[in-house]
Amino acid sequence: MHKPAVAGCLVAGLAVIGFLTATDVIDTVSAIAVGVALFIAAGVELKRKGPSR
């Protein structure tokens, strides 16, 4: 994926997590865990090399 697309998905995911936490749908510990998982997934995607040809 392109770096701006990964960043956009990360921001959108964090916004959804923030909204769900603010409305007490999920608790804070779960929100932190999901946020860390999002950061790890985005980091892995950004470090991934493009397809080999």
N, C-alpha and C. Protein backbone atom coordinates (compact mmCIF):
# COMPACT_ATOMS: atom_id res chain seq x y z
N MET A 1 0.84 -1.19 0.00
CA MET A 1 0.00 0.00 0.00
C MET A 1 0.88 1.24 0.00
N HIS A 2 0.31 2.30 -0.45
CA HIS A 2 1.03 3.56 -0.44
C HIS A 2 1.04 4.14 0.97
N LYS A 3 2.10 4.86 1.29
CA LYS A 3 2.25 5.40 2.65
C LYS A 3 1.09 6.31 3.05
N PRO A 4 0.60 7.20 2.18
CA PRO A 4 -0.55 8.02 2.59
C PRO A 4 -1.80 7.20 2.88
N ALA A 5 -1.99 6.13 2.15
CA ALA A 5 -3.17 5.28 2.39
C ALA A 5 -3.06 4.57 3.73
N VAL A 6 -1.85 4.10 4.07
CA VAL A 6 -1.64 3.45 5.37
C VAL A 6 -1.88 4.45 6.49
N ALA A 7 -1.35 5.66 6.33
CA ALA A 7 -1.54 6.70 7.35
C ALA A 7 -3.02 7.06 7.50
N GLY A 8 -3.72 7.14 6.39
CA GLY A 8 -5.15 7.45 6.43
C GLY A 8 -5.96 6.37 7.13
N CYS A 9 -5.63 5.12 6.84
CA CYS A 9 -6.32 4.02 7.51
C CYS A 9 -6.02 4.00 9.01
N LEU A 10 -4.78 4.32 9.37
CA LEU A 10 -4.41 4.36 10.78
C LEU A 10 -5.19 5.46 11.51
N VAL A 11 -5.27 6.63 10.91
CA VAL A 11 -6.01 7.74 11.53
C VAL A 11 -7.49 7.40 11.64
N ALA A 12 -8.05 6.81 10.59
CA ALA A 12 -9.47 6.43 10.63
C ALA A 12 -9.72 5.38 11.72
N GLY A 13 -8.82 4.40 11.82
CA GLY A 13 -8.97 3.37 12.85
C GLY A 13 -8.89 3.95 14.25
N LEU A 14 -7.94 4.85 14.45
CA LEU A 14 -7.82 5.49 15.77
C LEU A 14 -9.03 6.36 16.09
N ALA A 15 -9.60 6.99 15.08
CA ALA A 15 -10.82 7.80 15.30
C ALA A 15 -11.98 6.91 15.72
N VAL A 16 -12.12 5.76 15.09
CA VAL A 16 -13.20 4.83 15.44
C VAL A 16 -13.00 4.31 16.86
N ILE A 17 -11.76 3.96 17.19
CA ILE A 17 -11.47 3.48 18.55
C ILE A 17 -11.77 4.57 19.57
N GLY A 18 -11.38 5.80 19.26
CA GLY A 18 -11.67 6.91 20.17
C GLY A 18 -13.16 7.12 20.36
N PHE A 19 -13.91 7.03 19.27
CA PHE A 19 -15.37 7.19 19.37
C PHE A 19 -15.99 6.08 20.20
N LEU A 20 -15.56 4.83 19.96
CA LEU A 20 -16.13 3.71 20.72
C LEU A 20 -15.77 3.79 22.19
N THR A 21 -14.58 4.30 22.49
CA THR A 21 -14.19 4.46 23.89
C THR A 21 -14.98 5.59 24.55
N ALA A 22 -15.17 6.68 23.82
CA ALA A 22 -15.91 7.82 24.37
C ALA A 22 -17.37 7.48 24.65
N THR A 23 -17.94 6.58 23.84
CA THR A 23 -19.34 6.21 24.04
C THR A 23 -19.49 4.96 24.92
N ASP A 24 -18.40 4.54 25.54
CA ASP A 24 -18.39 3.40 26.47
C ASP A 24 -18.83 2.09 25.82
N VAL A 25 -18.56 1.94 24.54
CA VAL A 25 -18.83 0.67 23.89
C VAL A 25 -17.73 -0.33 24.22
N ILE A 26 -16.48 0.15 24.23
CA ILE A 26 -15.35 -0.69 24.65
C ILE A 26 -14.64 0.03 25.78
N ASP A 27 -13.95 -0.75 26.61
CA ASP A 27 -13.26 -0.14 27.74
C ASP A 27 -11.88 0.36 27.31
N THR A 28 -11.24 1.11 28.16
CA THR A 28 -9.98 1.78 27.85
C THR A 28 -8.86 0.79 27.59
N VAL A 29 -8.80 -0.28 28.36
CA VAL A 29 -7.73 -1.27 28.19
C VAL A 29 -7.83 -1.93 26.81
N SER A 30 -9.04 -2.28 26.40
CA SER A 30 -9.23 -2.87 25.08
C SER A 30 -8.88 -1.87 23.98
N ALA A 31 -9.23 -0.62 24.18
CA ALA A 31 -8.92 0.41 23.18
C ALA A 31 -7.42 0.58 23.03
N ILE A 32 -6.69 0.55 24.13
CA ILE A 32 -5.23 0.68 24.07
C ILE A 32 -4.64 -0.52 23.34
N ALA A 33 -5.14 -1.71 23.64
CA ALA A 33 -4.64 -2.92 22.99
C ALA A 33 -4.88 -2.88 21.48
N VAL A 34 -6.06 -2.48 21.07
CA VAL A 34 -6.37 -2.39 19.64
C VAL A 34 -5.55 -1.29 18.99
N GLY A 35 -5.34 -0.17 19.68
CA GLY A 35 -4.51 0.91 19.14
C GLY A 35 -3.08 0.47 18.92
N VAL A 36 -2.53 -0.27 19.86
CA VAL A 36 -1.16 -0.78 19.71
C VAL A 36 -1.10 -1.75 18.53
N ALA A 37 -2.11 -2.60 18.39
CA ALA A 37 -2.14 -3.53 17.27
C ALA A 37 -2.20 -2.78 15.93
N LEU A 38 -2.96 -1.70 15.89
CA LEU A 38 -3.02 -0.89 14.66
C LEU A 38 -1.67 -0.28 14.33
N PHE A 39 -0.98 0.25 15.34
CA PHE A 39 0.34 0.84 15.10
C PHE A 39 1.33 -0.22 14.61
N ILE A 40 1.27 -1.41 15.19
CA ILE A 40 2.18 -2.48 14.76
C ILE A 40 1.87 -2.89 13.32
N ALA A 41 0.60 -3.04 12.99
CA ALA A 41 0.22 -3.43 11.63
C ALA A 41 0.63 -2.36 10.62
N ALA A 42 0.46 -1.09 10.97
CA ALA A 42 0.85 -0.02 10.06
C ALA A 42 2.37 0.00 9.89
N GLY A 43 3.09 -0.21 10.96
CA GLY A 43 4.55 -0.24 10.87
C GLY A 43 5.05 -1.38 10.01
N VAL A 44 4.44 -2.55 10.15
CA VAL A 44 4.82 -3.70 9.33
C VAL A 44 4.52 -3.41 7.86
N GLU A 45 3.38 -2.81 7.60
CA GLU A 45 3.00 -2.51 6.22
C GLU A 45 3.94 -1.47 5.61
N LEU A 46 4.34 -0.48 6.39
CA LEU A 46 5.23 0.55 5.85
C LEU A 46 6.64 0.01 5.61
N LYS A 47 7.09 -0.96 6.41
CA LYS A 47 8.42 -1.52 6.24
C LYS A 47 8.47 -2.59 5.16
N ARG A 48 7.31 -3.09 4.76
CA ARG A 48 7.26 -4.16 3.77
C ARG A 48 7.77 -3.64 2.43
N LYS A 49 8.57 -4.44 1.77
CA LYS A 49 9.08 -4.06 0.47
C LYS A 49 8.02 -4.34 -0.58
N GLY A 50 8.13 -3.64 -1.69
CA GLY A 50 7.17 -3.82 -2.78
C GLY A 50 7.30 -5.20 -3.39
N PRO A 51 6.41 -5.53 -4.31
CA PRO A 51 6.47 -6.84 -4.93
C PRO A 51 7.75 -7.03 -5.76
N SER A 52 8.32 -8.21 -5.69
CA SER A 52 9.53 -8.51 -6.46
C SER A 52 9.14 -8.89 -7.87
N ARG A 53 9.89 -8.38 -8.81
CA ARG A 53 9.58 -8.71 -10.19
C ARG A 53 10.74 -9.41 -10.82
